[in-house]
Amino acid sequence: MDNDTTRRDEIEKLRKREAELLERVERLRTSMNQTGDIGTLVHKNKLLVEAQEELRRVQERLTGVAEA
């Protein structure tokens, strides 16, 4: 019972983080489309790549926890 509760809590936290990251990625993409300055684009691209990598890690963890 305690393991199930812990797992459900972890899944809930991971899903919440996943939603936050998806929103962040979309905001960055929209912002990049509206930016003309190359320096700003480079910086936003770096942020976008970092967010996508974290999203991938969260989704992998979520898959592992859900299968356990």
Protein backbone atom coordinates (compact mmCIF):
# COMPACT_ATOMS: atom_id res chain seq x y z
CA MET A 1 0.00 0.00 0.00
CA ASP A 2 2.76 2.47 0.93
CA ASN A 3 4.65 1.64 -2.28
CA ASP A 4 1.52 2.26 -4.35
CA THR A 5 0.99 5.64 -2.71
CA THR A 6 4.63 6.59 -3.25
CA ARG A 7 4.49 5.51 -6.88
CA ARG A 8 1.25 7.42 -7.50
CA ASP A 9 2.74 10.53 -5.91
CA GLU A 10 5.85 10.22 -8.06
CA ILE A 11 3.78 9.73 -11.22
CA GLU A 12 1.71 12.79 -10.33
CA LYS A 13 4.84 14.92 -9.80
CA LEU A 14 6.37 13.68 -13.06
CA ARG A 15 3.20 14.39 -15.04
CA LYS A 16 3.01 17.88 -13.58
CA ARG A 17 6.67 18.52 -14.50
CA GLU A 18 6.04 17.11 -17.97
CA ALA A 19 3.15 19.54 -18.50
CA GLU A 20 5.31 22.45 -17.30
CA LEU A 21 8.10 21.50 -19.69
CA LEU A 22 5.74 21.08 -22.64
CA GLU A 23 4.37 24.55 -21.95
CA ARG A 24 7.89 25.97 -21.68
CA VAL A 25 8.97 24.37 -24.96
CA GLU A 26 5.94 25.82 -26.73
CA ARG A 27 6.55 29.30 -25.27
CA LEU A 28 10.19 29.18 -26.37
CA ARG A 29 9.26 28.08 -29.90
CA THR A 30 6.71 30.87 -30.21
CA SER A 31 9.16 33.40 -28.82
CA MET A 32 11.90 32.26 -31.19
CA ASN A 33 9.57 32.76 -34.17
CA GLN A 34 9.03 36.36 -33.10
CA THR A 35 12.70 37.17 -32.44
CA GLY A 36 14.94 38.75 -35.04
CA ASP A 37 18.15 39.25 -33.07
CA ILE A 38 20.65 36.44 -33.69
CA GLY A 39 22.11 36.61 -30.17
CA THR A 40 18.67 36.22 -28.64
CA LEU A 41 17.87 33.34 -30.99
CA VAL A 42 21.04 31.51 -29.99
CA HIS A 43 20.24 31.93 -26.30
CA LYS A 44 16.62 30.83 -26.72
CA ASN A 45 17.72 27.84 -28.78
CA LYS A 46 20.02 26.79 -25.94
CA LEU A 47 17.13 27.08 -23.48
CA LEU A 48 14.88 25.13 -25.85
CA VAL A 49 17.40 22.28 -26.18
CA GLU A 50 17.82 22.12 -22.39
CA ALA A 51 14.04 22.02 -21.87
CA GLN A 52 13.65 19.29 -24.48
CA GLU A 53 16.39 17.20 -22.86
CA GLU A 54 14.80 17.55 -19.44
CA LEU A 55 11.40 16.68 -20.92
CA ARG A 56 12.89 13.53 -22.46
CA ARG A 57 14.38 12.51 -19.08
CA VAL A 58 11.08 13.13 -17.29
CA GLN A 59 9.16 11.10 -19.87
CA GLU A 60 11.65 8.23 -19.58
CA ARG A 61 11.31 8.24 -15.79
CA LEU A 62 7.55 8.42 -16.10
CA THR A 63 7.55 5.40 -18.40
CA GLY A 64 9.76 3.46 -15.99
CA VAL A 65 7.64 4.31 -12.95
CA ALA A 66 4.37 3.50 -14.71
CA GLU A 67 5.68 0.11 -15.84
CA ALA A 68 6.96 -0.85 -12.37
